[in-house]
Amino acid sequence: MSVAQRLERLRGTLEAAGLDALLVTNPENRRYLSGYTGRDGGLDSAGTLLIGTTDVVLITDGRYTEQAARECPDLRVAVRQAPLAPLAAELIREWGCRRLGIEATHLTVAQRDDLEAATRQKGIPPELVPTRGVVEAQRVVKDTEEIAAIERAVRITDEVFEALLGYLRPGLTERDVAVEIARQMRAHGAEDMAFDPIVASGPNGALPHAVPSDRALALGETITIDMGARYAGYCSDMTRTVCLGEAPTAVRAAHDAVLRAQRLCEEGLRPGLNGQEADALARGALEAAGRGEQYVHGTGHGLGLEIHEDPRLGRLSAEYVLAAGMVVTVEPGVYVTGWGGVRIEDTVLVIADGARVLSRASKQLVVPHSGA
């Protein structure tokens, strides 16, 4: 789908909501609707879209005009010399905008106040209408180019994990492994990591969002590795739990239970299923195994330009209904304080007759190692 087609779809939504224009301040929404990345040397920069019924303007500063010309040559670019509000207010006045949508979850209170004051100075201030998820709802179903970018990000992540298996050994710290993941991501073609990786060994595995520490990897303990690549702006997300040396019986039992829950969920995903029903596929399997209380989070989330986006798969996610073209994670896990945890996560594409698992990296629990 072209940028022009995305804008046309959005304008239909704005018209239905009675909005004359939308001020887009979310960087991912801005990229989706313009192609402008706003990135320079890996740093996110200023850039705001003002979308009206017939016109669209990218407001940025002089450092990024050439980048904008390259990335979105058909877009009108307005260069601001001061904060956003004065220039945005002038454009709003030119357009005769009466009701302006603002992204309530991204525009700060201070920015809103500045915009309101600047439009008031221009004469007839528009009504500022808070909106939620207007663009995000459009992003939830991916087109073929988006899916291709996600598939490439998934392949990179798979390749990095396979390389990592030959690197892991007792004595390395969690932080060592995280640094190696970052190095391997670049080496395998990622433009960046989708998020800071999680490497959690032994008891640290009981923390679903553990931060890599100086704790050393040891034989017979779980090591949970959660990582993802970013390619052409799009994310992948994958988790594997492994064990160096012989895995204790308790570790094998937990891994088997989580793997079975994931398989049942992935086999059951299909268009029309809601997020609560999808979550129940995995949660029911863990409850049947006597591990329901050890499963402390939802089963998955959408991903795309952001690592966490709609739809959600969880106990309270009945409002999300799966459709072909959605990309979600399936990541059941169990966590035991003082012992550790097991999580296994794939990136999955919903298709017309079910779901296709994109992640292909090994789910083998015990991995060989080169010794201490």
Protein backbone atom coordinates (compact mmCIF):
# COMPACT_ATOMS: atom_id res chain seq x y z
CA MET A 1 0.00 0.00 0.00
CA SER A 2 1.43 3.38 -1.01
CA VAL A 3 1.67 6.40 1.27
CA ALA A 4 -1.02 8.08 -0.83
CA GLN A 5 -3.37 5.14 -0.23
CA ARG A 6 -2.67 5.22 3.51
CA LEU A 7 -3.44 8.93 3.63
CA GLU A 8 -6.65 8.43 1.69
CA ARG A 9 -7.81 5.76 4.13
CA LEU A 10 -6.99 8.03 7.04
CA ARG A 11 -8.92 10.93 5.54
CA GLY A 12 -11.99 8.73 5.40
CA THR A 13 -11.59 8.06 9.12
CA LEU A 14 -11.14 11.75 9.88
CA GLU A 15 -14.22 12.66 7.88
CA ALA A 16 -16.30 10.08 9.74
CA ALA A 17 -15.09 11.57 13.04
CA GLY A 18 -15.89 15.11 11.93
CA LEU A 19 -12.25 16.22 11.99
CA ASP A 20 -10.80 18.73 9.53
CA ALA A 21 -7.21 17.68 10.18
CA LEU A 22 -4.96 15.52 12.35
CA LEU A 23 -1.67 16.51 13.95
CA VAL A 24 0.52 13.39 13.98
CA THR A 25 3.25 13.47 16.63
CA ASN A 26 3.85 9.72 17.10
CA PRO A 27 7.11 8.91 15.21
CA GLU A 28 5.86 5.51 14.01
CA ASN A 29 2.57 6.97 12.78
CA ARG A 30 4.51 9.74 11.06
CA ARG A 31 6.69 7.20 9.27
CA TYR A 32 3.71 5.05 8.29
CA LEU A 33 1.91 8.01 6.70
CA SER A 34 4.86 9.72 5.05
CA GLY A 35 7.90 7.47 4.73
CA TYR A 36 9.91 10.01 6.73
CA THR A 37 12.03 8.16 9.30
CA GLY A 38 13.28 11.20 11.19
CA ARG A 39 16.43 9.26 11.96
CA ASP A 40 19.95 10.59 11.69
CA GLY A 41 22.81 8.53 13.04
CA GLY A 42 20.27 6.35 14.87
CA LEU A 43 18.73 9.30 16.74
CA ASP A 44 15.04 10.11 16.49
CA SER A 45 14.53 13.76 15.57
CA ALA A 46 11.82 16.39 15.40
CA GLY A 47 9.18 15.90 12.76
CA THR A 48 5.42 16.35 12.83
CA LEU A 49 2.77 15.67 10.21
CA LEU A 50 -0.26 17.89 9.72
CA ILE A 51 -2.82 16.06 7.60
CA GLY A 52 -5.84 17.87 6.19
CA THR A 53 -8.64 16.93 3.83
CA THR A 54 -6.57 17.67 0.72
CA ASP A 55 -3.08 18.59 1.90
CA VAL A 56 -0.38 17.14 4.11
CA VAL A 57 2.66 18.95 5.48
CA LEU A 58 5.75 17.62 7.22
CA ILE A 59 6.99 20.13 9.77
CA THR A 60 10.65 19.71 10.66
CA ASP A 61 13.77 21.83 11.12
CA GLY A 62 16.58 22.74 8.79
CA ARG A 63 18.78 19.82 9.75
CA TYR A 64 16.40 17.35 8.11
CA THR A 65 15.07 19.05 4.99
CA GLU A 66 17.39 17.11 2.68
CA GLN A 67 16.54 13.84 4.38
CA ALA A 68 12.83 14.61 4.03
CA ALA A 69 13.30 15.44 0.35
CA ARG A 70 14.92 12.07 -0.22
CA GLU A 71 12.51 9.95 1.82
CA CYS A 72 9.23 11.63 0.88
CA PRO A 73 9.83 13.72 -2.27
CA ASP A 74 6.12 14.20 -2.96
CA LEU A 75 5.45 15.71 0.45
CA ARG A 76 5.28 19.40 1.23
CA VAL A 77 7.92 20.25 3.85
CA ALA A 78 7.60 23.27 6.14
CA VAL A 79 10.75 24.30 7.98
CA ARG A 80 10.27 25.66 11.47
CA GLN A 81 12.64 28.17 13.00
CA ALA A 82 11.10 27.95 16.47
CA PRO A 83 9.00 25.44 18.43
CA LEU A 84 6.26 23.56 16.60
CA ALA A 85 3.23 25.58 17.73
CA PRO A 86 3.63 28.89 15.79
CA LEU A 87 4.16 27.26 12.38
CA ALA A 88 1.46 24.64 12.97
CA ALA A 89 -0.95 27.41 14.00
CA GLU A 90 -0.24 29.35 10.80
CA LEU A 91 -0.96 26.28 8.64
CA ILE A 92 -4.14 25.56 10.60
CA ARG A 93 -5.27 29.15 9.99
CA GLU A 94 -4.53 28.87 6.25
CA TRP A 95 -6.60 25.70 6.03
CA GLY A 96 -9.53 27.16 7.96
CA CYS A 97 -9.46 24.17 10.27
CA ARG A 98 -12.29 24.14 12.83
CA ARG A 99 -11.75 20.75 14.50
CA LEU A 100 -8.17 19.50 14.83
CA GLY A 101 -7.43 15.98 16.02
CA ILE A 102 -4.43 15.55 18.29
CA GLU A 103 -2.83 12.28 19.39
CA ALA A 104 -3.75 12.22 23.07
CA THR A 105 -1.24 9.53 24.02
CA HIS A 106 1.72 11.31 22.41
CA LEU A 107 1.25 15.08 22.50
CA THR A 108 2.36 16.47 25.85
CA VAL A 109 0.18 18.77 27.92
CA ALA A 110 2.73 21.56 27.41
CA GLN A 111 2.69 21.11 23.63
CA ARG A 112 -1.09 21.14 23.63
CA ASP A 113 -1.17 24.35 25.66
CA ASP A 114 1.37 25.98 23.35
CA LEU A 115 -0.62 24.97 20.28
CA GLU A 116 -3.85 26.28 21.78
CA ALA A 117 -2.20 29.62 22.64
CA ALA A 118 -0.60 29.94 19.19
CA THR A 119 -3.86 29.25 17.34
CA ARG A 120 -5.67 31.73 19.55
CA GLN A 121 -3.18 34.40 18.55
CA LYS A 122 -3.94 33.67 14.89
CA GLY A 123 -7.59 34.62 15.30
CA ILE A 124 -10.05 31.76 15.29
CA PRO A 125 -8.65 28.82 17.29
CA PRO A 126 -9.85 25.36 16.29
CA GLU A 127 -11.32 22.90 18.75
CA LEU A 128 -8.52 20.53 19.75
CA VAL A 129 -10.02 17.05 19.77
CA PRO A 130 -8.08 14.30 21.60
CA THR A 131 -7.92 11.08 19.57
CA ARG A 132 -6.69 7.61 20.47
CA GLY A 133 -5.50 4.94 18.08
CA VAL A 134 -6.73 6.56 14.87
CA VAL A 135 -3.60 5.72 12.89
CA GLU A 136 -2.69 2.69 14.99
CA ALA A 137 -5.98 1.02 14.04
CA GLN A 138 -5.01 1.38 10.40
CA ARG A 139 -1.54 -0.05 11.04
CA VAL A 140 -2.79 -3.21 12.71
CA VAL A 141 -3.21 -5.18 9.44
CA LYS A 142 0.04 -5.29 7.50
CA ASP A 143 0.40 -5.05 3.73
CA THR A 144 2.74 -7.24 1.69
CA GLU A 145 5.72 -4.88 1.95
CA GLU A 146 5.35 -4.61 5.72
CA ILE A 147 5.12 -8.39 6.07
CA ALA A 148 8.24 -8.81 3.92
CA ALA A 149 10.16 -6.41 6.19
CA ILE A 150 9.01 -8.27 9.30
CA GLU A 151 9.97 -11.61 7.74
CA ARG A 152 13.46 -10.26 7.06
CA ALA A 153 13.74 -9.04 10.66
CA VAL A 154 12.66 -12.50 11.83
CA ARG A 155 15.27 -14.22 9.66
CA ILE A 156 17.98 -11.98 11.07
CA THR A 157 16.88 -12.82 14.61
CA ASP A 158 16.88 -16.54 13.82
CA GLU A 159 20.39 -16.28 12.39
CA VAL A 160 21.66 -14.34 15.38
CA PHE A 161 20.27 -16.92 17.78
CA GLU A 162 21.90 -19.78 15.90
CA ALA A 163 25.22 -17.91 16.05
CA LEU A 164 24.67 -17.29 19.74
CA LEU A 165 24.34 -21.01 20.46
CA GLY A 166 27.98 -21.46 19.50
CA TYR A 167 28.99 -18.57 21.74
CA LEU A 168 27.28 -19.50 25.02
CA ARG A 169 29.43 -21.08 27.69
CA PRO A 170 29.63 -21.16 31.48
CA GLY A 171 31.35 -18.14 32.98
CA LEU A 172 30.04 -15.59 30.50
CA THR A 173 27.90 -12.94 32.13
CA GLU A 174 24.39 -12.01 31.07
CA ARG A 175 25.82 -8.66 30.03
CA ASP A 176 28.44 -10.39 27.84
CA VAL A 177 25.67 -12.21 25.99
CA ALA A 178 23.64 -9.01 25.51
CA VAL A 179 26.68 -7.27 24.01
CA GLU A 180 27.23 -10.20 21.65
CA ILE A 181 23.59 -10.07 20.56
CA ALA A 182 23.99 -6.40 19.61
CA ARG A 183 27.16 -7.18 17.65
CA GLN A 184 25.59 -10.10 15.83
CA MET A 185 22.48 -8.11 14.94
CA ARG A 186 24.55 -5.56 13.03
CA ALA A 187 26.68 -8.30 11.45
CA HIS A 188 23.58 -10.05 10.12
CA GLY A 189 22.05 -6.95 8.54
CA ALA A 190 19.74 -5.45 11.15
CA GLU A 191 19.45 -1.68 11.06
CA ASP A 192 19.10 -1.82 14.84
CA MET A 193 17.84 -3.98 17.65
CA ALA A 194 14.07 -3.83 18.09
CA PHE A 195 14.62 -3.42 21.86
CA ASP A 196 17.33 -3.95 24.44
CA PRO A 197 17.72 -7.73 24.74
CA ILE A 198 16.79 -9.67 27.84
CA VAL A 199 19.31 -12.24 29.07
CA ALA A 200 18.23 -13.82 32.35
CA SER A 201 20.00 -16.81 33.91
CA GLY A 202 19.08 -18.95 36.88
CA PRO A 203 16.90 -17.11 39.45
CA ASN A 204 16.90 -13.97 37.29
CA GLY A 205 14.70 -15.88 34.84
CA ALA A 206 11.81 -15.41 37.28
CA LEU A 207 11.72 -11.77 36.14
CA PRO A 208 9.90 -11.58 32.77
CA HIS A 209 11.64 -8.28 31.94
CA ALA A 210 14.98 -8.88 33.61
CA VAL A 211 17.86 -6.54 32.77
CA PRO A 212 21.17 -8.25 31.84
CA SER A 213 23.51 -8.22 34.83
CA ASP A 214 27.02 -9.37 35.70
CA ARG A 215 25.69 -12.73 36.87
CA ALA A 216 27.65 -15.57 35.25
CA LEU A 217 26.01 -18.36 33.28
CA ALA A 218 26.20 -21.74 35.02
CA LEU A 219 25.63 -25.37 34.09
CA GLY A 220 22.15 -26.80 34.63
CA GLU A 221 20.38 -23.42 34.91
CA THR A 222 17.85 -21.88 32.57
CA ILE A 223 18.99 -18.99 30.36
CA THR A 224 16.14 -16.97 28.88
CA ILE A 225 17.10 -14.88 25.84
CA ASP A 226 14.54 -12.41 24.45
CA MET A 227 15.62 -10.37 21.44
CA GLY A 228 14.48 -8.88 18.17
CA ALA A 229 15.82 -7.17 15.06
CA ARG A 230 14.62 -4.04 13.32
CA TYR A 231 14.72 -4.04 9.52
CA ALA A 232 13.40 -1.22 7.32
CA GLY A 233 11.71 0.09 10.44
CA TYR A 234 9.87 -3.16 11.27
CA CYS A 235 10.43 -5.37 14.30
CA SER A 236 10.72 -9.03 15.14
CA ASP A 237 10.48 -10.55 18.61
CA MET A 238 11.68 -13.97 19.73
CA THR A 239 12.46 -15.71 23.03
CA ARG A 240 14.19 -19.00 23.66
CA THR A 241 15.10 -20.64 26.95
CA VAL A 242 18.13 -22.90 26.95
CA CYS A 243 20.27 -24.83 29.42
CA LEU A 244 24.01 -25.44 29.32
CA GLY A 245 24.82 -29.00 30.25
CA GLU A 246 22.30 -31.56 31.43
CA ALA A 247 18.93 -30.01 32.24
CA PRO A 248 17.43 -30.95 35.62
CA THR A 249 14.08 -32.72 35.60
CA ALA A 250 12.27 -29.61 36.85
CA VAL A 251 13.68 -27.54 34.00
CA ARG A 252 12.69 -30.12 31.40
CA ALA A 253 9.17 -30.34 32.79
CA ALA A 254 8.71 -26.57 32.73
CA HIS A 255 10.11 -26.29 29.20
CA ASP A 256 7.87 -29.08 27.93
CA ALA A 257 4.78 -27.44 29.45
CA VAL A 258 5.54 -24.05 27.92
CA LEU A 259 6.38 -25.53 24.54
CA ARG A 260 3.11 -27.46 24.48
CA ALA A 261 1.13 -24.36 25.44
CA GLN A 262 2.77 -22.39 22.65
CA ARG A 263 2.14 -25.10 20.08
CA LEU A 264 -1.55 -25.37 21.00
CA CYS A 265 -1.97 -21.61 20.74
CA GLU A 266 -0.20 -21.30 17.41
CA GLU A 267 -2.21 -24.18 15.97
CA GLY A 268 -5.45 -22.57 17.16
CA LEU A 269 -4.89 -19.01 15.95
CA ARG A 270 -7.17 -17.93 13.10
CA PRO A 271 -9.10 -14.92 11.84
CA GLY A 272 -12.19 -14.20 13.93
CA LEU A 273 -10.63 -15.37 17.20
CA ASN A 274 -10.43 -12.62 19.79
CA GLY A 275 -7.43 -11.85 21.97
CA GLN A 276 -8.98 -13.37 25.08
CA GLU A 277 -9.76 -16.61 23.26
CA ALA A 278 -6.24 -16.76 21.84
CA ASP A 279 -4.77 -16.24 25.29
CA ALA A 280 -6.96 -19.03 26.67
CA LEU A 281 -5.42 -21.53 24.25
CA ALA A 282 -2.03 -21.18 25.92
CA ARG A 283 -3.27 -20.39 29.42
CA GLY A 284 -5.57 -23.39 29.47
CA ALA A 285 -2.68 -25.71 28.65
CA LEU A 286 -0.54 -24.30 31.46
CA GLU A 287 -3.43 -24.44 33.92
CA ALA A 288 -4.00 -28.09 32.98
CA ALA A 289 -0.34 -28.71 33.75
CA GLY A 290 -0.78 -27.13 37.19
CA ARG A 291 1.19 -24.01 36.22
CA GLY A 292 -1.55 -21.42 35.84
CA GLU A 293 -0.35 -19.34 38.78
CA GLN A 294 3.18 -19.32 37.34
CA TYR A 295 1.95 -17.66 34.12
CA VAL A 296 1.94 -13.98 35.02
CA HIS A 297 1.49 -12.12 31.71
CA GLY A 298 -0.48 -12.16 28.48
CA THR A 299 0.16 -14.58 25.65
CA GLY A 300 1.19 -12.05 23.03
CA HIS A 301 1.01 -8.70 21.31
CA GLY A 302 1.07 -7.22 17.86
CA LEU A 303 4.27 -5.90 16.39
CA GLY A 304 5.30 -3.85 13.38
CA LEU A 305 6.86 -0.40 13.41
CA GLU A 306 6.64 -0.69 17.20
CA ILE A 307 7.69 -3.70 19.21
CA HIS A 308 4.41 -3.58 21.16
CA GLU A 309 1.29 -2.60 19.29
CA ASP A 310 -2.24 -3.87 18.76
CA PRO A 311 -3.71 -6.44 18.80
CA ARG A 312 -3.17 -7.87 22.28
CA LEU A 313 -3.58 -11.49 23.32
CA GLY A 314 -4.48 -11.56 27.01
CA ARG A 315 -7.12 -12.35 29.60
CA LEU A 316 -8.71 -8.91 29.14
CA SER A 317 -8.29 -8.60 25.36
CA ALA A 318 -11.68 -9.64 24.04
CA GLU A 319 -12.02 -6.36 22.10
CA TYR A 320 -9.23 -7.36 19.71
CA VAL A 321 -10.37 -9.64 16.88
CA LEU A 322 -7.73 -11.33 14.76
CA ALA A 323 -7.69 -10.81 11.00
CA ALA A 324 -5.48 -12.01 8.17
CA GLY A 325 -2.43 -9.79 7.86
CA MET A 326 -1.98 -9.20 11.57
CA VAL A 327 1.41 -10.11 13.03
CA VAL A 328 1.51 -11.17 16.68
CA THR A 329 3.80 -12.84 19.17
CA VAL A 330 2.95 -16.06 20.99
CA GLU A 331 5.01 -16.15 24.18
CA PRO A 332 3.73 -18.28 27.07
CA GLY A 333 6.00 -18.60 30.08
CA VAL A 334 6.26 -19.83 33.64
CA TYR A 335 8.16 -18.07 36.43
CA VAL A 336 9.17 -19.37 39.86
CA THR A 337 10.78 -17.06 42.39
CA GLY A 338 14.19 -18.29 43.52
CA TRP A 339 14.43 -20.87 40.74
CA GLY A 340 14.01 -19.14 37.39
CA GLY A 341 11.69 -19.23 34.44
CA VAL A 342 10.96 -20.50 30.95
CA ARG A 343 9.55 -18.44 28.10
CA ILE A 344 9.34 -19.42 24.43
CA GLU A 345 8.24 -16.81 21.90
CA ASP A 346 7.62 -16.78 18.15
CA THR A 347 6.58 -14.09 15.71
CA VAL A 348 3.43 -15.32 13.97
CA LEU A 349 1.49 -14.10 10.91
CA VAL A 350 -2.28 -14.56 10.88
CA ILE A 351 -3.39 -15.85 7.47
CA ALA A 352 -6.76 -16.59 5.88
CA ASP A 353 -7.01 -20.17 7.17
CA GLY A 354 -5.00 -19.99 10.39
CA ALA A 355 -1.54 -18.75 11.24
CA ARG A 356 2.00 -19.13 9.95
CA VAL A 357 4.88 -19.22 12.40
CA LEU A 358 7.66 -17.00 11.06
CA SER A 359 10.28 -17.73 13.73
CA ARG A 360 12.36 -20.79 12.86
CA ALA A 361 15.16 -20.80 15.42
CA SER A 362 15.73 -24.00 17.37
CA LYS A 363 13.64 -24.58 20.49
CA GLN A 364 16.01 -27.24 21.78
CA LEU A 365 16.47 -26.87 25.52
CA VAL A 366 19.95 -28.32 26.03
CA VAL A 367 22.70 -26.72 23.95
CA PRO A 368 26.36 -27.79 23.59
CA HIS A 369 29.02 -25.54 25.06
CA SER A 370 32.76 -25.11 24.94
CA GLY A 371 33.30 -25.36 28.69
CA ALA A 372 34.21 -22.84 31.34
